[in-house]
């Protein structure tokens, strides 16, 4: 069976890759095909995360065992077969390619083709320029600070409410009729 994966980025609007890969291949082969399709250095640490429909991260499938002390199982890319975790069309994954800034690709299994196989993964569609694999941390932080400042400046007094007290809006009569002892 062949899995067809679509890969997009939240950093670059017109970026898209589609990778066709045999269902019995490993996550390492998928990772390598992705890195080759975007000309990324394969010597960097990265991970896949299985996601739900809302892109919430679930199980991690990582390149190397980092000696986690948790009781959760460690799934390594080279040992983990795609078909063991990918069952249905629409299955979502996140591929974290830059751990320092948590930058990722969003992946969805778009189609499974039964009765066919591939010896090597194939990049079937390549559109747009991939985001840079690495970013300058100072530049990245300044972009985050700029976005945060813009979000705060967009919040005006209507967001928080008015600081002004208007006695006409206060219902003192209804307040006086309330009995607080009944609630004790």
Protein backbone atom coordinates (compact mmCIF):
# COMPACT_ATOMS: atom_id res chain seq x y z
CA UNK A 1 0.00 0.00 0.00
CA UNK A 2 1.16 3.53 -0.72
CA UNK A 3 0.50 6.49 1.58
CA UNK A 4 0.25 9.96 0.06
CA UNK A 5 1.15 12.73 2.52
CA UNK A 6 0.59 16.47 2.05
CA UNK A 7 2.99 18.78 3.88
CA UNK A 8 2.39 22.48 4.54
CA UNK A 9 3.95 25.23 6.65
CA UNK A 10 2.38 27.96 8.74
CA UNK A 11 5.33 30.21 7.85
CA UNK A 12 5.06 30.17 4.05
CA UNK A 13 1.64 30.45 2.39
CA UNK A 14 2.43 28.92 -0.99
CA UNK A 15 4.60 26.08 0.33
CA UNK A 16 3.42 22.51 -0.28
CA UNK A 17 5.05 19.14 -0.69
CA UNK A 18 3.43 15.78 -1.35
CA UNK A 19 5.35 12.63 -0.51
CA UNK A 20 4.33 9.18 -1.74
CA UNK A 21 5.79 6.41 0.40
CA UNK A 22 5.22 2.70 0.97
CA UNK A 23 3.07 2.02 4.03
CA UNK A 24 5.60 -0.57 5.24
CA UNK A 25 8.41 1.99 5.22
CA UNK A 26 9.62 3.68 8.42
CA UNK A 27 9.17 7.15 9.80
CA UNK A 28 12.91 7.60 9.19
CA UNK A 29 12.35 7.15 5.45
CA UNK A 30 9.51 9.69 5.56
CA UNK A 31 11.71 12.11 7.49
CA UNK A 32 14.54 11.72 4.99
CA UNK A 33 12.17 12.22 2.04
CA UNK A 34 10.85 15.41 3.65
CA UNK A 35 14.36 16.72 4.36
CA UNK A 36 15.45 15.97 0.78
CA UNK A 37 12.36 17.66 -0.68
CA UNK A 38 13.20 20.91 1.16
CA UNK A 39 17.02 20.62 1.12
CA UNK A 40 17.34 20.43 4.92
CA UNK A 41 20.36 19.03 6.73
CA UNK A 42 19.52 15.48 7.88
CA UNK A 43 21.99 15.68 10.77
CA UNK A 44 19.57 17.71 12.90
CA UNK A 45 17.35 16.37 15.67
CA UNK A 46 13.64 16.28 14.83
CA UNK A 47 10.46 14.39 15.68
CA UNK A 48 7.05 13.45 14.40
CA UNK A 49 3.99 13.82 16.60
CA UNK A 50 0.74 12.00 15.90
CA UNK A 51 -2.08 14.53 16.14
CA UNK A 52 -5.81 14.59 16.57
CA UNK A 53 -8.16 16.51 14.28
CA UNK A 54 -7.34 19.78 16.08
CA UNK A 55 -3.56 19.36 15.65
CA UNK A 56 -3.06 18.52 19.34
CA UNK A 57 0.19 16.56 19.76
CA UNK A 58 -0.02 12.95 20.85
CA UNK A 59 2.59 10.19 20.61
CA UNK A 60 6.10 11.29 19.65
CA UNK A 61 8.23 9.36 17.18
CA UNK A 62 11.74 10.67 17.51
CA UNK A 63 15.05 10.37 15.71
CA UNK A 64 17.02 9.37 18.81
CA UNK A 65 16.23 8.20 22.32
CA UNK A 66 17.10 11.15 24.50
CA UNK A 67 16.98 9.06 27.69
CA UNK A 68 13.51 10.10 28.78
CA UNK A 69 12.70 9.24 32.40
CA UNK A 70 8.99 9.06 31.68
CA UNK A 71 7.02 5.86 31.77
CA UNK A 72 5.87 6.40 28.18
CA UNK A 73 7.18 4.20 25.40
CA UNK A 74 9.90 5.66 23.18
CA UNK A 75 9.29 5.24 19.47
CA UNK A 76 12.32 5.65 17.22
CA UNK A 77 11.90 6.62 13.58
CA UNK A 78 14.20 3.89 12.28
CA UNK A 79 12.21 1.16 14.08
CA UNK A 80 8.68 2.49 13.64
CA UNK A 81 6.72 1.44 10.56
CA UNK A 82 4.28 3.99 9.14
CA UNK A 83 1.37 1.52 8.89
CA UNK A 84 1.68 0.74 12.62
CA UNK A 85 0.47 4.28 13.43
CA UNK A 86 -1.14 5.60 10.25
CA UNK A 87 -4.44 3.89 9.64
CA UNK A 88 -6.88 6.28 8.04
CA UNK A 89 -6.89 9.01 5.46
CA UNK A 90 -6.91 12.33 7.26
CA UNK A 91 -4.43 11.20 9.93
CA UNK A 92 -2.47 14.28 10.98
CA UNK A 93 1.15 14.61 12.01
CA UNK A 94 3.43 17.43 13.03
CA UNK A 95 7.08 17.22 11.98
CA UNK A 96 9.21 19.42 14.26
CA UNK A 97 12.30 20.31 12.24
CA UNK A 98 13.70 23.06 14.51
CA UNK A 99 13.61 22.26 18.23
CA UNK A 100 15.10 25.60 19.31
CA UNK A 101 12.11 27.56 18.01
CA UNK A 102 9.54 24.73 17.80
CA UNK A 103 9.09 25.27 14.06
CA UNK A 104 7.18 22.54 12.27
CA UNK A 105 5.54 21.20 9.16
CA UNK A 106 1.92 20.08 9.26
CA UNK A 107 1.31 16.75 7.55
CA UNK A 108 -1.86 14.97 6.57
CA UNK A 109 -2.23 11.54 5.04
CA UNK A 110 -4.41 12.40 2.06
CA UNK A 111 -4.81 9.02 0.40
CA UNK A 112 -3.87 5.37 0.70
CA UNK A 113 -3.46 3.36 -2.48
CA UNK A 114 -3.93 -0.38 -1.83
CA UNK A 115 -2.31 -3.01 -4.00
CA UNK A 116 0.71 -0.87 -4.94
CA UNK A 117 4.16 -0.46 -3.46
CA UNK A 118 7.18 1.81 -3.75
CA UNK A 119 10.85 0.94 -3.28
CA UNK A 120 11.77 4.55 -2.49
CA UNK A 121 9.71 7.53 -1.31
CA UNK A 122 8.86 10.05 -4.03
CA UNK A 123 8.23 13.79 -3.79
CA UNK A 124 5.23 13.93 -6.13
CA UNK A 125 4.45 17.66 -5.70
CA UNK A 126 6.85 20.48 -4.86
CA UNK A 127 5.38 23.98 -4.69
CA UNK A 128 6.87 27.11 -3.16
CA UNK A 129 10.02 27.79 -1.24
CA UNK A 130 10.43 25.96 2.07
CA UNK A 131 11.03 28.05 5.19
CA UNK A 132 14.67 28.29 6.22
CA UNK A 133 15.68 25.33 8.34
CA UNK A 134 17.30 27.59 10.93
CA UNK A 135 16.49 31.12 11.99
CA UNK A 136 18.51 33.66 13.92
CA UNK A 137 17.18 33.40 17.50
CA UNK A 138 17.37 37.16 18.11
CA UNK A 139 15.41 37.81 14.90
CA UNK A 140 12.88 35.10 15.81
CA UNK A 141 12.37 36.55 19.31
CA UNK A 142 11.94 40.07 17.94
CA UNK A 143 9.23 38.81 15.57
CA UNK A 144 7.45 37.17 18.51
CA UNK A 145 7.78 40.37 20.58
CA UNK A 146 6.44 42.45 17.67
CA UNK A 147 3.43 40.16 17.27
CA UNK A 148 2.75 40.22 21.01
CA UNK A 149 2.98 44.02 21.12
CA UNK A 150 0.60 44.30 18.15
CA UNK A 151 -1.87 41.97 19.85
CA UNK A 152 -1.78 44.04 23.05
CA UNK A 153 -2.20 47.33 21.18
CA UNK A 154 -5.24 45.88 19.41
CA UNK A 155 -6.92 45.39 22.77
CA UNK A 156 -8.61 48.67 23.57
CA UNK A 157 -10.88 49.69 26.42
CA UNK A 158 -13.79 47.75 24.87
CA UNK A 159 -11.83 44.56 25.47
CA UNK A 160 -11.35 45.23 29.17
CA UNK A 161 -14.42 47.38 29.76
CA UNK A 162 -14.65 51.00 30.70
CA UNK A 163 -12.89 52.48 33.70
CA UNK A 164 -15.70 54.98 34.17
CA UNK A 165 -18.40 54.37 36.77
CA UNK A 166 -21.93 55.24 35.70
CA UNK A 167 -24.37 55.32 38.62
CA UNK A 168 -27.33 54.86 36.24
CA UNK A 169 -26.02 51.41 35.26
CA UNK A 170 -25.87 50.21 38.86
CA UNK A 171 -29.10 48.59 40.07
CA UNK A 172 -28.90 49.39 43.78
CA UNK A 173 -32.56 48.48 44.34
CA UNK A 174 -32.06 44.90 43.12
CA UNK A 175 -28.89 44.68 45.12
CA UNK A 176 -30.62 45.71 48.36
CA UNK A 177 -33.31 43.06 47.91
CA UNK A 178 -30.80 40.22 47.75
CA UNK A 179 -30.43 38.20 50.91
CA UNK A 180 -26.92 37.02 51.53
CA UNK A 181 -27.89 34.89 54.54
CA UNK A 182 -29.88 32.54 52.29
CA UNK A 183 -26.69 31.51 50.51
CA UNK A 184 -24.78 30.58 53.67
